[in-house]
Amino acid sequence: MFHAPVHVSIVLFPECDPSIVYGVFDTLWAPGRFSTNLQEKPTREPLFVPRLVAADAGPLRLITEVSIIPQDTIADVERTDVVFVRTW
């Protein structure tokens, strides 16, 4: 049975650690995209559709001085089922 993928917005702030951002993104991006047999082509649909979002478009300099480019602005997000926000 196929269910529509869960859309996830990962909100970026200057205080974000890039390893955490990309770790969450990669963890959500992979499920369902790969076959259980590495010799076969993927046959399943993705379980999640993660997107990196920020208040403004363009590169965002993070606390580690690494720049990251959001895929969308918060205002441009048309659908999200789950929102990840960094907490202190």
Protein backbone atom coordinates (compact mmCIF):
# COMPACT_ATOMS: atom_id res chain seq x y z
CA MET A 1 0.00 0.00 0.00
CA PHE A 2 1.41 3.40 -0.98
CA HIS A 3 1.05 6.43 1.25
CA ALA A 4 1.93 9.95 0.18
CA PRO A 5 5.37 10.98 1.46
CA VAL A 6 5.63 13.12 4.58
CA HIS A 7 6.84 16.65 3.76
CA VAL A 8 9.38 17.90 6.30
CA SER A 9 10.66 21.47 6.64
CA ILE A 10 14.05 21.77 8.33
CA VAL A 11 14.28 25.40 9.45
CA LEU A 12 17.73 27.00 9.24
CA PHE A 13 19.07 29.65 11.62
CA PRO A 14 22.60 31.06 11.95
CA GLU A 15 22.93 29.05 15.20
CA CYS A 16 22.44 25.70 13.40
CA ASP A 17 25.29 23.19 13.22
CA PRO A 18 25.69 22.01 9.60
CA SER A 19 26.43 18.41 10.62
CA ILE A 20 23.08 18.24 12.44
CA VAL A 21 21.23 19.90 9.54
CA TYR A 22 22.66 17.53 6.95
CA GLY A 23 22.39 14.51 9.25
CA VAL A 24 18.65 15.08 9.71
CA PHE A 25 18.21 15.84 6.00
CA ASP A 26 20.06 12.69 4.88
CA THR A 27 18.28 10.51 7.44
CA LEU A 28 14.91 11.65 6.11
CA TRP A 29 15.87 11.68 2.43
CA ALA A 30 17.06 8.06 2.16
CA PRO A 31 14.12 5.87 3.35
CA GLY A 32 12.20 4.40 0.48
CA ARG A 33 14.57 5.67 -2.20
CA PHE A 34 16.79 2.61 -2.26
CA SER A 35 16.13 -1.04 -2.92
CA THR A 36 16.98 -3.50 -0.16
CA ASN A 37 19.15 -5.24 -2.76
CA LEU A 38 21.94 -2.91 -3.89
CA GLN A 39 22.05 -4.62 -7.30
CA GLU A 40 18.49 -3.56 -8.16
CA LYS A 41 17.13 -0.18 -9.15
CA PRO A 42 15.03 1.60 -6.52
CA THR A 43 11.40 0.58 -6.79
CA ARG A 44 9.89 2.28 -3.76
CA GLU A 45 8.65 5.80 -3.36
CA PRO A 46 10.32 8.11 -0.83
CA LEU A 47 8.83 8.07 2.65
CA PHE A 48 9.86 11.67 3.35
CA VAL A 49 10.44 14.83 1.32
CA PRO A 50 12.81 16.97 3.42
CA ARG A 51 13.44 20.63 2.51
CA LEU A 52 15.89 23.13 4.00
CA VAL A 53 14.04 26.38 4.65
CA ALA A 54 15.02 29.79 6.01
CA ALA A 55 13.50 33.20 6.52
CA ASP A 56 15.36 34.64 3.53
CA ALA A 57 16.63 33.32 0.20
CA GLY A 58 20.34 33.08 -0.48
CA PRO A 59 23.30 31.75 1.46
CA LEU A 60 23.03 31.64 5.24
CA ARG A 61 26.21 31.72 7.33
CA LEU A 62 25.97 29.24 10.19
CA ILE A 63 27.58 29.39 13.65
CA THR A 64 30.53 27.33 12.38
CA GLU A 65 31.10 29.93 9.63
CA VAL A 66 29.94 27.46 6.97
CA SER A 67 27.43 28.81 4.47
CA ILE A 68 24.36 26.84 3.49
CA ILE A 69 21.83 27.62 0.79
CA PRO A 70 18.20 26.97 1.76
CA GLN A 71 16.03 25.26 -0.83
CA ASP A 72 13.01 27.43 0.01
CA THR A 73 12.05 30.44 2.07
CA ILE A 74 9.54 29.84 4.84
CA ALA A 75 7.03 32.01 2.95
CA ASP A 76 7.37 29.82 -0.17
CA VAL A 77 6.60 26.51 1.57
CA GLU A 78 3.31 25.26 0.14
CA ARG A 79 3.07 22.08 2.19
CA THR A 80 4.71 20.73 5.29
CA ASP A 81 3.61 17.93 7.58
CA VAL A 82 6.49 18.17 10.07
CA VAL A 83 8.71 21.10 11.03
CA PHE A 84 12.18 20.66 12.56
CA VAL A 85 13.38 23.72 14.50
CA ARG A 86 16.68 23.96 16.36
CA THR A 87 16.29 24.38 20.12
CA TRP A 88 18.80 25.58 22.66
